[in-house]
Amino acid sequence: MTDEFILVVTDEEPVEGQRGWGSEVKKAIANTVQLPMSLLEQNMNRFLQLVGRLFQQVDQQIGTDSDMRLDEVELSIEISGKGEVKLVAGAEAKGAITLKFKRVER
């Protein structure tokens, strides 16, 4: 079976050069990487498992006797040129993906 691929545009890398009369030119070139979907799926699944475990622990710490509960979680992630799924902390990153998890009543 042939693996499917997804194109990922990675961080821009500055490229320096010269143009007439020795003036410097700086421009940014974005790199495009072709990632196997199987790698991205594997890394995303692992990330989601870890996040799920983390919030199960939050529920356990709060306990069933409390009036409080975690109802919604919003996380921002980035996908690297190597297929890594990374949690974005602090300021929003360019190209970040927002995942929003909302508790469903059963």
PDB file of N, CA and C in Angstrom:
ATOM      1  N   MET A   1       0.840  -1.182   0.000  1.00  0.00           N
ATOM      2  CA  MET A   1       0.000   0.000   0.000  1.00  0.00           C
ATOM      3  C   MET A   1       0.888   1.250   0.000  1.00  0.00           C
ATOM      4  N   THR A   2       0.603   2.164  -0.864  1.00  0.00           N
ATOM      5  CA  THR A   2       1.341   3.409  -0.958  1.00  0.00           C
ATOM      6  C   THR A   2       0.812   4.378   0.082  1.00  0.00           C
ATOM      7  N   ASP A   3       1.715   4.973   0.826  1.00  0.00           N
ATOM      8  CA  ASP A   3       1.333   5.927   1.859  1.00  0.00           C
ATOM      9  C   ASP A   3       0.908   7.245   1.210  1.00  0.00           C
ATOM     10  N   GLU A   4      -0.068   7.896   1.821  1.00  0.00           N
ATOM     11  CA  GLU A   4      -0.473   9.220   1.369  1.00  0.00           C
ATOM     12  C   GLU A   4       0.438  10.250   2.031  1.00  0.00           C
ATOM     13  N   PHE A   5       0.576  11.395   1.403  1.00  0.00           N
ATOM     14  CA  PHE A   5       1.451  12.448   1.909  1.00  0.00           C
ATOM     15  C   PHE A   5       0.680  13.740   2.054  1.00  0.00           C
ATOM     16  N   ILE A   6       1.181  14.589   2.946  1.00  0.00           N
ATOM     17  CA  ILE A   6       0.633  15.926   3.124  1.00  0.00           C
ATOM     18  C   ILE A   6       1.808  16.901   3.060  1.00  0.00           C
ATOM     19  N   LEU A   7       1.585  18.040   2.444  1.00  0.00           N
ATOM     20  CA  LEU A   7       2.631  19.056   2.356  1.00  0.00           C
ATOM     21  C   LEU A   7       2.538  19.976   3.566  1.00  0.00           C
ATOM     22  N   VAL A   8       3.682  20.231   4.191  1.00  0.00           N
ATOM     23  CA  VAL A   8       3.752  21.126   5.344  1.00  0.00           C
ATOM     24  C   VAL A   8       4.737  22.235   5.016  1.00  0.00           C
ATOM     25  N   VAL A   9       4.305  23.474   5.186  1.00  0.00           N
ATOM     26  CA  VAL A   9       5.181  24.625   4.982  1.00  0.00           C
ATOM     27  C   VAL A   9       5.837  24.913   6.323  1.00  0.00           C
ATOM     28  N   THR A  10       7.165  24.842   6.355  1.00  0.00           N
ATOM     29  CA  THR A  10       7.905  25.031   7.599  1.00  0.00           C
ATOM     30  C   THR A  10       8.276  26.495   7.776  1.00  0.00           C
ATOM     31  N   ASP A  11       8.923  26.779   8.902  1.00  0.00           N
ATOM     32  CA  ASP A  11       9.364  28.144   9.202  1.00  0.00           C
ATOM     33  C   ASP A  11      10.168  28.716   8.049  1.00  0.00           C
ATOM     34  N   GLU A  12      10.028  29.989   7.881  1.00  0.00           N
ATOM     35  CA  GLU A  12      10.786  30.661   6.833  1.00  0.00           C
ATOM     36  C   GLU A  12      12.234  30.823   7.270  1.00  0.00           C
ATOM     37  N   GLU A  13      13.128  30.617   6.334  1.00  0.00           N
ATOM     38  CA  GLU A  13      14.551  30.789   6.614  1.00  0.00           C
ATOM     39  C   GLU A  13      15.058  31.996   5.850  1.00  0.00           C
ATOM     40  N   PRO A  14      15.736  32.923   6.533  1.00  0.00           N
ATOM     41  CA  PRO A  14      16.250  34.104   5.829  1.00  0.00           C
ATOM     42  C   PRO A  14      17.390  33.718   4.878  1.00  0.00           C
ATOM     43  N   VAL A  15      17.363  34.316   3.727  1.00  0.00           N
ATOM     44  CA  VAL A  15      18.411  34.098   2.734  1.00  0.00           C
ATOM     45  C   VAL A  15      19.014  35.459   2.421  1.00  0.00           C
ATOM     46  N   GLU A  16      20.319  35.551   2.549  1.00  0.00           N
ATOM     47  CA  GLU A  16      20.985  36.824   2.290  1.00  0.00           C
ATOM     48  C   GLU A  16      21.699  36.774   0.953  1.00  0.00           C
ATOM     49  N   GLY A  17      21.717  37.891   0.280  1.00  0.00           N
ATOM     50  CA  GLY A  17      22.400  37.975  -1.000  1.00  0.00           C
ATOM     51  C   GLY A  17      22.802  39.415  -1.269  1.00  0.00           C
ATOM     52  N   GLN A  18      23.280  39.655  -2.461  1.00  0.00           N
ATOM     53  CA  GLN A  18      23.680  41.011  -2.824  1.00  0.00           C
ATOM     54  C   GLN A  18      23.051  41.377  -4.152  1.00  0.00           C
ATOM     55  N   ARG A  19      22.772  42.656  -4.287  1.00  0.00           N
ATOM     56  CA  ARG A  19      22.276  43.154  -5.556  1.00  0.00           C
ATOM     57  C   ARG A  19      23.133  44.350  -5.924  1.00  0.00           C
ATOM     58  N   GLY A  20      22.944  44.929  -7.056  1.00  0.00           N
ATOM     59  CA  GLY A  20      23.794  46.011  -7.577  1.00  0.00           C
ATOM     60  C   GLY A  20      24.363  46.953  -6.541  1.00  0.00           C
ATOM     61  N   TRP A  21      25.565  47.427  -6.751  1.00  0.00           N
ATOM     62  CA  TRP A  21      26.308  48.359  -5.916  1.00  0.00           C
ATOM     63  C   TRP A  21      26.555  47.800  -4.511  1.00  0.00           C
ATOM     64  N   GLY A  22      26.485  46.496  -4.359  1.00  0.00           N
ATOM     65  CA  GLY A  22      26.832  45.865  -3.087  1.00  0.00           C
ATOM     66  C   GLY A  22      25.776  45.965  -1.998  1.00  0.00           C
ATOM     67  N   SER A  23      24.566  46.449  -2.339  1.00  0.00           N
ATOM     68  CA  SER A  23      23.537  46.526  -1.305  1.00  0.00           C
ATOM     69  C   SER A  23      23.045  45.116  -0.973  1.00  0.00           C
ATOM     70  N   GLU A  24      22.832  44.899   0.320  1.00  0.00           N
ATOM     71  CA  GLU A  24      22.411  43.577   0.762  1.00  0.00           C
ATOM     72  C   GLU A  24      20.913  43.391   0.569  1.00  0.00           C
ATOM     73  N   VAL A  25      20.555  42.169   0.261  1.00  0.00           N
ATOM     74  CA  VAL A  25      19.149  41.805   0.095  1.00  0.00           C
ATOM     75  C   VAL A  25      18.857  40.684   1.078  1.00  0.00           C
ATOM     76  N   LYS A  26      17.805  40.844   1.834  1.00  0.00           N
ATOM     77  CA  LYS A  26      17.372  39.779   2.737  1.00  0.00           C
ATOM     78  C   LYS A  26      15.948  39.427   2.374  1.00  0.00           C
ATOM     79  N   LYS A  27      15.719  38.153   2.161  1.00  0.00           N
ATOM     80  CA  LYS A  27      14.357  37.704   1.889  1.00  0.00           C
ATOM     81  C   LYS A  27      14.158  36.374   2.582  1.00  0.00           C
ATOM     82  N   ALA A  28      12.935  36.006   2.737  1.00  0.00           N
ATOM     83  CA  ALA A  28      12.623  34.750   3.413  1.00  0.00           C
ATOM     84  C   ALA A  28      12.083  33.754   2.404  1.00  0.00           C
ATOM     85  N   ILE A  29      12.550  32.544   2.528  1.00  0.00           N
ATOM     86  CA  ILE A  29      12.076  31.475   1.658  1.00  0.00           C
ATOM     87  C   ILE A  29      11.452  30.417   2.545  1.00  0.00           C
ATOM     88  N   ALA A  30      10.232  30.044   2.259  1.00  0.00           N
ATOM     89  CA  ALA A  30       9.561  28.998   3.020  1.00  0.00           C
ATOM     90  C   ALA A  30       9.933  27.645   2.434  1.00  0.00           C
ATOM     91  N   ASN A  31      10.175  26.698   3.310  1.00  0.00           N
ATOM     92  CA  ASN A  31      10.452  25.337   2.882  1.00  0.00           C
ATOM     93  C   ASN A  31       9.170  24.534   2.914  1.00  0.00           C
ATOM     94  N   THR A  32       8.982  23.679   1.946  1.00  0.00           N
ATOM     95  CA  THR A  32       7.838  22.785   1.923  1.00  0.00           C
ATOM     96  C   THR A  32       8.356  21.363   2.085  1.00  0.00           C
ATOM     97  N   VAL A  33       7.775  20.639   3.032  1.00  0.00           N
ATOM     98  CA  VAL A  33       8.179  19.271   3.324  1.00  0.00           C
ATOM     99  C   VAL A  33       7.006  18.346   3.045  1.00  0.00           C
ATOM    100  N   GLN A  34       7.283  17.213   2.438  1.00  0.00           N
ATOM    101  CA  GLN A  34       6.258  16.213   2.164  1.00  0.00           C
ATOM    102  C   GLN A  34       6.323  15.162   3.278  1.00  0.00           C
ATOM    103  N   LEU A  35       5.260  15.092   4.111  1.00  0.00           N
ATOM    104  CA  LEU A  35       5.236  14.161   5.236  1.00  0.00           C
ATOM    105  C   LEU A  35       4.278  13.012   4.970  1.00  0.00           C
ATOM    106  N   PRO A  36       4.676  11.798   5.342  1.00  0.00           N
ATOM    107  CA  PRO A  36       3.745  10.672   5.237  1.00  0.00           C
ATOM    108  C   PRO A  36       2.592  10.854   6.231  1.00  0.00           C
ATOM    109  N   MET A  37       1.376  10.630   5.771  1.00  0.00           N
ATOM    110  CA  MET A  37       0.203  10.760   6.644  1.00  0.00           C
ATOM    111  C   MET A  37       0.297   9.796   7.818  1.00  0.00           C
ATOM    112  N   SER A  38       0.856   8.612   7.597  1.00  0.00           N
ATOM    113  CA  SER A  38       0.961   7.633   8.679  1.00  0.00           C
ATOM    114  C   SER A  38       1.801   8.178   9.834  1.00  0.00           C
ATOM    115  N   LEU A  39       2.882   8.913   9.536  1.00  0.00           N
ATOM    116  CA  LEU A  39       3.719   9.512  10.567  1.00  0.00           C
ATOM    117  C   LEU A  39       2.945  10.584  11.322  1.00  0.00           C
ATOM    118  N   LEU A  40       2.244  11.431  10.587  1.00  0.00           N
ATOM    119  CA  LEU A  40       1.465  12.493  11.217  1.00  0.00           C
ATOM    120  C   LEU A  40       0.336  11.916  12.076  1.00  0.00           C
ATOM    121  N   GLU A  41      -0.339  10.889  11.579  1.00  0.00           N
ATOM    122  CA  GLU A  41      -1.408  10.230  12.348  1.00  0.00           C
ATOM    123  C   GLU A  41      -0.853   9.626  13.634  1.00  0.00           C
ATOM    124  N   GLN A  42       0.297   8.965  13.536  1.00  0.00           N
ATOM    125  CA  GLN A  42       0.924   8.341  14.696  1.00  0.00           C
ATOM    126  C   GLN A  42       1.270   9.402  15.747  1.00  0.00           C
ATOM    127  N   ASN A  43       1.881  10.488  15.319  1.00  0.00           N
ATOM    128  CA  ASN A  43       2.273  11.541  16.260  1.00  0.00           C
ATOM    129  C   ASN A  43       1.065  12.273  16.844  1.00  0.00           C
ATOM    130  N   MET A  44       0.033  12.499  16.045  1.00  0.00           N
ATOM    131  CA  MET A  44      -1.177  13.159  16.541  1.00  0.00           C
ATOM    132  C   MET A  44      -1.901  12.252  17.547  1.00  0.00           C
ATOM    133  N   ASN A  45      -1.983  10.956  17.234  1.00  0.00           N
ATOM    134  CA  ASN A  45      -2.619  10.011  18.163  1.00  0.00           C
ATOM    135  C   ASN A  45      -1.901   9.986  19.499  1.00  0.00           C
ATOM    136  N   ARG A  46      -0.585   9.963  19.472  1.00  0.00           N
ATOM    137  CA  ARG A  46       0.208   9.951  20.713  1.00  0.00           C
ATOM    138  C   ARG A  46      -0.027  11.240  21.507  1.00  0.00           C
ATOM    139  N   PHE A  47      -0.038  12.370  20.830  1.00  0.00           N
ATOM    140  CA  PHE A  47      -0.282  13.654  21.485  1.00  0.00           C
ATOM    141  C   PHE A  47      -1.663  13.661  22.150  1.00  0.00           C
ATOM    142  N   LEU A  48      -2.680  13.204  21.427  1.00  0.00           N
ATOM    143  CA  LEU A  48      -4.038  13.201  21.967  1.00  0.00           C
ATOM    144  C   LEU A  48      -4.189  12.233  23.138  1.00  0.00           C
ATOM    145  N   GLN A  49      -3.483  11.107  23.090  1.00  0.00           N
ATOM    146  CA  GLN A  49      -3.513  10.172  24.228  1.00  0.00           C
ATOM    147  C   GLN A  49      -2.945  10.830  25.482  1.00  0.00           C
ATOM    148  N   LEU A  50      -1.837  11.524  25.321  1.00  0.00           N
ATOM    149  CA  LEU A  50      -1.212  12.194  26.465  1.00  0.00           C
ATOM    150  C   LEU A  50      -2.102  13.305  27.018  1.00  0.00           C
ATOM    151  N   VAL A  51      -2.701  14.086  26.127  1.00  0.00           N
ATOM    152  CA  VAL A  51      -3.602  15.151  26.563  1.00  0.00           C
ATOM    153  C   VAL A  51      -4.820  14.548  27.269  1.00  0.00           C
ATOM    154  N   GLY A  52      -5.344  13.459  26.734  1.00  0.00           N
ATOM    155  CA  GLY A  52      -6.484  12.779  27.363  1.00  0.00           C
ATOM    156  C   GLY A  52      -6.153  12.303  28.767  1.00  0.00           C
ATOM    157  N   ARG A  53      -4.975  11.721  28.943  1.00  0.00           N
ATOM    158  CA  ARG A  53      -4.545  11.269  30.274  1.00  0.00           C
ATOM    159  C   ARG A  53      -4.426  12.441  31.239  1.00  0.00           C
ATOM    160  N   LEU A  54      -3.884  13.530  30.749  1.00  0.00           N
ATOM    161  CA  LEU A  54      -3.718  14.715  31.581  1.00  0.00           C
ATOM    162  C   LEU A  54      -5.063  15.197  32.124  1.00  0.00           C
ATOM    163  N   PHE A  55      -6.070  15.272  31.267  1.00  0.00           N
ATOM    164  CA  PHE A  55      -7.353  15.799  31.714  1.00  0.00           C
ATOM    165  C   PHE A  55      -8.199  14.775  32.459  1.00  0.00           C
ATOM    166  N   GLN A  56      -7.902  13.499  32.296  1.00  0.00           N
ATOM    167  CA  GLN A  56      -8.512  12.487  33.177  1.00  0.00           C
ATOM    168  C   GLN A  56      -8.021  12.706  34.606  1.00  0.00           C
ATOM    169  N   GLN A  57      -6.744  13.030  34.742  1.00  0.00           N
ATOM    170  CA  GLN A  57      -6.183  13.301  36.062  1.00  0.00           C
ATOM    171  C   GLN A  57      -6.803  14.552  36.678  1.00  0.00           C
ATOM    172  N   VAL A  58      -7.100  15.548  35.858  1.00  0.00           N
ATOM    173  CA  VAL A  58      -7.766  16.754  36.359  1.00  0.00           C
ATOM    174  C   VAL A  58      -9.124  16.374  36.938  1.00  0.00           C
ATOM    175  N   ASP A  59      -9.882  15.569  36.214  1.00  0.00           N
ATOM    176  CA  ASP A  59     -11.191  15.121  36.708  1.00  0.00           C
ATOM    177  C   ASP A  59     -11.056  14.364  38.026  1.00  0.00           C
ATOM    178  N   GLN A  60     -10.038  13.510  38.125  1.00  0.00           N
ATOM    179  CA  GLN A  60      -9.830  12.737  39.350  1.00  0.00           C
ATOM    180  C   GLN A  60      -9.466  13.646  40.517  1.00  0.00           C
ATOM    181  N   GLN A  61      -8.658  14.656  40.261  1.00  0.00           N
ATOM    182  CA  GLN A  61      -8.252  15.572  41.321  1.00  0.00           C
ATOM    183  C   GLN A  61      -9.430  16.417  41.815  1.00  0.00           C
ATOM    184  N   ILE A  62     -10.281  16.837  40.906  1.00  0.00           N
ATOM    185  CA  ILE A  62     -11.456  17.624  41.297  1.00  0.00           C
ATOM    186  C   ILE A  62     -12.412  16.752  42.091  1.00  0.00           C
ATOM    187  N   GLY A  63     -12.627  15.518  41.626  1.00  0.00           N
ATOM    188  CA  GLY A  63     -13.487  14.573  42.338  1.00  0.00           C
ATOM    189  C   GLY A  63     -14.958  14.754  42.015  1.00  0.00           C
ATOM    190  N   THR A  64     -15.722  13.739  42.307  1.00  0.00           N
ATOM    191  CA  THR A  64     -17.160  13.758  41.998  1.00  0.00           C
ATOM    192  C   THR A  64     -17.966  14.530  43.034  1.00  0.00           C
ATOM    193  N   ASP A  65     -17.393  14.773  44.212  1.00  0.00           N
ATOM    194  CA  ASP A  65     -18.112  15.489  45.266  1.00  0.00           C
ATOM    195  C   ASP A  65     -18.082  17.001  45.071  1.00  0.00           C
ATOM    196  N   SER A  66     -17.271  17.473  44.167  1.00  0.00           N
ATOM    197  CA  SER A  66     -17.115  18.911  43.953  1.00  0.00           C
ATOM    198  C   SER A  66     -18.177  19.447  42.997  1.00  0.00           C
ATOM    199  N   ASP A  67     -18.517  20.723  43.150  1.00  0.00           N
ATOM    200  CA  ASP A  67     -19.422  21.387  42.214  1.00  0.00           C
ATOM    201  C   ASP A  67     -18.676  21.855  40.972  1.00  0.00           C
ATOM    202  N   MET A  68     -17.351  21.778  40.996  1.00  0.00           N
ATOM    203  CA  MET A  68     -16.551  22.199  39.846  1.00  0.00           C
ATOM    204  C   MET A  68     -16.301  21.017  38.923  1.00  0.00           C
ATOM    205  N   ARG A  69     -16.112  21.350  37.652  1.00  0.00           N
ATOM    206  CA  ARG A  69     -15.672  20.345  36.691  1.00  0.00           C
ATOM    207  C   ARG A  69     -15.062  21.058  35.492  1.00  0.00           C
ATOM    208  N   LEU A  70     -14.180  20.355  34.831  1.00  0.00           N
ATOM    209  CA  LEU A  70     -13.559  20.883  33.629  1.00  0.00           C
ATOM    210  C   LEU A  70     -14.526  20.646  32.481  1.00  0.00           C
ATOM    211  N   ASP A  71     -14.993  21.732  31.851  1.00  0.00           N
ATOM    212  CA  ASP A  71     -16.019  21.624  30.818  1.00  0.00           C
ATOM    213  C   ASP A  71     -15.453  21.787  29.413  1.00  0.00           C
ATOM    214  N   GLU A  72     -14.375  22.563  29.271  1.00  0.00           N
ATOM    215  CA  GLU A  72     -13.863  22.847  27.939  1.00  0.00           C
ATOM    216  C   GLU A  72     -12.362  23.131  28.015  1.00  0.00           C
ATOM    217  N   VAL A  73     -11.637  22.648  27.007  1.00  0.00           N
ATOM    218  CA  VAL A  73     -10.199  22.871  26.915  1.00  0.00           C
ATOM    219  C   VAL A  73      -9.877  23.299  25.495  1.00  0.00           C
ATOM    220  N   GLU A  74      -9.052  24.332  25.357  1.00  0.00           N
ATOM    221  CA  GLU A  74      -8.621  24.790  24.039  1.00  0.00           C
ATOM    222  C   GLU A  74      -7.100  24.789  24.014  1.00  0.00           C
ATOM    223  N   LEU A  75      -6.528  24.066  23.065  1.00  0.00           N
ATOM    224  CA  LEU A  75      -5.087  23.957  22.919  1.00  0.00           C
ATOM    225  C   LEU A  75      -4.678  24.387  21.517  1.00  0.00           C
ATOM    226  N   SER A  76      -3.507  24.966  21.398  1.00  0.00           N
ATOM    227  CA  SER A  76      -2.947  25.289  20.087  1.00  0.00           C
ATOM    228  C   SER A  76      -1.739  24.393  19.865  1.00  0.00           C
ATOM    229  N   ILE A  77      -1.663  23.838  18.656  1.00  0.00           N
ATOM    230  CA  ILE A  77      -0.555  22.952  18.319  1.00  0.00           C
ATOM    231  C   ILE A  77       0.091  23.407  17.020  1.00  0.00           C
ATOM    232  N   GLU A  78       1.304  22.946  16.826  1.00  0.00           N
ATOM    233  CA  GLU A  78       2.018  23.151  15.570  1.00  0.00           C
ATOM    234  C   GLU A  78       2.519  21.803  15.089  1.00  0.00           C
ATOM    235  N   ILE A  79       2.661  21.677  13.797  1.00  0.00           N
ATOM    236  CA  ILE A  79       3.241  20.482  13.197  1.00  0.00           C
ATOM    237  C   ILE A  79       4.575  20.893  12.595  1.00  0.00           C
ATOM    238  N   SER A  80       5.636  20.210  12.999  1.00  0.00           N
ATOM    239  CA  SER A  80       6.968  20.567  12.511  1.00  0.00           C
ATOM    240  C   SER A  80       7.225  19.926  11.153  1.00  0.00           C
ATOM    241  N   GLY A  81       8.312  20.327  10.545  1.00  0.00           N
ATOM    242  CA  GLY A  81       8.718  19.756   9.267  1.00  0.00           C
ATOM    243  C   GLY A  81       9.123  18.293   9.376  1.00  0.00           C
ATOM    244  N   LYS A  82       9.287  17.815  10.621  1.00  0.00           N
ATOM    245  CA  LYS A  82       9.615  16.406  10.852  1.00  0.00           C
ATOM    246  C   LYS A  82       8.376  15.604  11.252  1.00  0.00           C
ATOM    247  N   GLY A  83       7.212  16.265  11.270  1.00  0.00           N
ATOM    248  CA  GLY A  83       5.973  15.576  11.628  1.00  0.00           C
ATOM    249  C   GLY A  83       5.680  15.561  13.108  1.00  0.00           C
ATOM    250  N   GLU A  84       6.457  16.294  13.888  1.00  0.00           N
ATOM    251  CA  GLU A  84       6.220  16.358  15.326  1.00  0.00           C
ATOM    252  C   GLU A  84       4.995  17.225  15.603  1.00  0.00           C
ATOM    253  N   VAL A  85       4.189  16.809  16.572  1.00  0.00           N
ATOM    254  CA  VAL A  85       3.037  17.596  17.007  1.00  0.00           C
ATOM    255  C   VAL A  85       3.440  18.242  18.324  1.00  0.00           C
ATOM    256  N   LYS A  86       3.442  19.588  18.347  1.00  0.00           N
ATOM    257  CA  LYS A  86       3.939  20.323  19.504  1.00  0.00           C
ATOM    258  C   LYS A  86       2.859  21.243  20.062  1.00  0.00           C
ATOM    259  N   LEU A  87       2.775  21.276  21.383  1.00  0.00           N
ATOM    260  CA  LEU A  87       1.873  22.190  22.071  1.00  0.00           C
ATOM    261  C   LEU A  87       2.477  23.583  22.028  1.00  0.00           C
ATOM    262  N   VAL A  88       1.674  24.575  21.650  1.00  0.00           N
ATOM    263  CA  VAL A  88       2.132  25.959  21.592  1.00  0.00           C
ATOM    264  C   VAL A  88       1.800  26.614  22.931  1.00  0.00           C
ATOM    265  N   ALA A  89       2.824  27.117  23.591  1.00  0.00           N
ATOM    266  CA  ALA A  89       2.632  27.780  24.884  1.00  0.00           C
ATOM    267  C   ALA A  89       2.815  29.277  24.694  1.00  0.00           C
ATOM    268  N   GLY A  90       2.070  30.046  25.454  1.00  0.00           N
ATOM    269  CA  GLY A  90       2.216  31.500  25.400  1.00  0.00           C
ATOM    270  C   GLY A  90       1.561  32.089  24.172  1.00  0.00           C
ATOM    271  N   ALA A  91       2.293  32.972  23.513  1.00  0.00           N
ATOM    272  CA  ALA A  91       1.754  33.684  22.353  1.00  0.00           C
ATOM    273  C   ALA A  91       1.406  32.708  21.240  1.00  0.00           C
ATOM    274  N   GLU A  92       0.367  33.026  20.515  1.00  0.00           N
ATOM    275  CA  GLU A  92      -0.033  32.159  19.407  1.00  0.00           C
ATOM    276  C   GLU A  92       1.031  32.177  18.318  1.00  0.00           C
ATOM    277  N   ALA A  93       1.302  31.019  17.806  1.00  0.00           N
ATOM    278  CA  ALA A  93       2.299  30.897  16.753  1.00  0.00           C
ATOM    279  C   ALA A  93       1.644  31.041  15.388  1.00  0.00           C
ATOM    280  N   LYS A  94       2.426  31.474  14.430  1.00  0.00           N
ATOM    281  CA  LYS A  94       1.947  31.581  13.073  1.00  0.00           C
ATOM    282  C   LYS A  94       1.645  30.179  12.546  1.00  0.00           C
ATOM    283  N   GLY A  95       0.459  29.970  12.043  1.00  0.00           N
ATOM    284  CA  GLY A  95       0.109  28.674  11.476  1.00  0.00           C
ATOM    285  C   GLY A  95      -0.310  27.645  12.501  1.00  0.00           C
ATOM    286  N   ALA A  96      -0.557  28.056  13.741  1.00  0.00           N
ATOM    287  CA  ALA A  96      -0.968  27.107  14.773  1.00  0.00           C
ATOM    288  C   ALA A  96      -2.372  26.577  14.480  1.00  0.00           C
ATOM    289  N   ILE A  97      -2.605  25.355  14.888  1.00  0.00           N
ATOM    290  CA  ILE A  97      -3.912  24.708  14.759  1.00  0.00           C
ATOM    291  C   ILE A  97      -4.546  24.717  16.143  1.00  0.00           C
ATOM    292  N   THR A  98      -5.794  25.142  16.233  1.00  0.00           N
ATOM    293  CA  THR A  98      -6.488  25.160  17.514  1.00  0.00           C
ATOM    294  C   THR A  98      -7.378  23.931  17.622  1.00  0.00           C
ATOM    295  N   LEU A  99      -7.198  23.194  18.716  1.00  0.00           N
ATOM    296  CA  LEU A  99      -8.047  22.042  19.021  1.00  0.00           C
ATOM    297  C   LEU A  99      -8.924  22.436  20.200  1.00  0.00           C
ATOM    298  N   LYS A 100     -10.225  22.261  20.061  1.00  0.00           N
ATOM    299  CA  LYS A 100     -11.148  22.630  21.126  1.00  0.00           C
ATOM    300  C   LYS A 100     -11.907  21.383  21.555  1.00  0.00           C
ATOM    301  N   PHE A 101     -11.761  21.025  22.822  1.00  0.00           N
ATOM    302  CA  PHE A 101     -12.411  19.850  23.372  1.00  0.00           C
ATOM    303  C   PHE A 101     -13.514  20.321  24.316  1.00  0.00           C
ATOM    304  N   LYS A 102     -14.731  19.833  24.114  1.00  0.00           N
ATOM    305  CA  LYS A 102     -15.856  20.210  24.965  1.00  0.00           C
ATOM    306  C   LYS A 102     -16.467  18.953  25.543  1.00  0.00           C
ATOM    307  N   ARG A 103     -16.757  18.985  26.826  1.00  0.00           N
ATOM    308  CA  ARG A 103     -17.345  17.837  27.498  1.00  0.00           C
ATOM    309  C   ARG A 103     -18.751  17.584  26.947  1.00  0.00           C
ATOM    310  N   VAL A 104     -19.032  16.341  26.659  1.00  0.00           N
ATOM    311  CA  VAL A 104     -20.339  15.945  26.158  1.00  0.00           C
ATOM    312  C   VAL A 104     -21.089  15.253  27.306  1.00  0.00           C
ATOM    313  N   GLU A 105     -22.298  15.702  27.559  1.00  0.00           N
ATOM    314  CA  GLU A 105     -23.121  15.088  28.603  1.00  0.00           C
ATOM    315  C   GLU A 105     -23.566  13.708  28.144  1.00  0.00           C
ATOM    316  N   ARG A 106     -23.457  12.766  29.043  1.00  0.00           N
ATOM    317  CA  ARG A 106     -23.883  11.387  28.716  1.00  0.00           C
ATOM    318  C   ARG A 106     -25.112  11.012  29.461  1.00  0.00           C
TER     319      ARG A 106
END
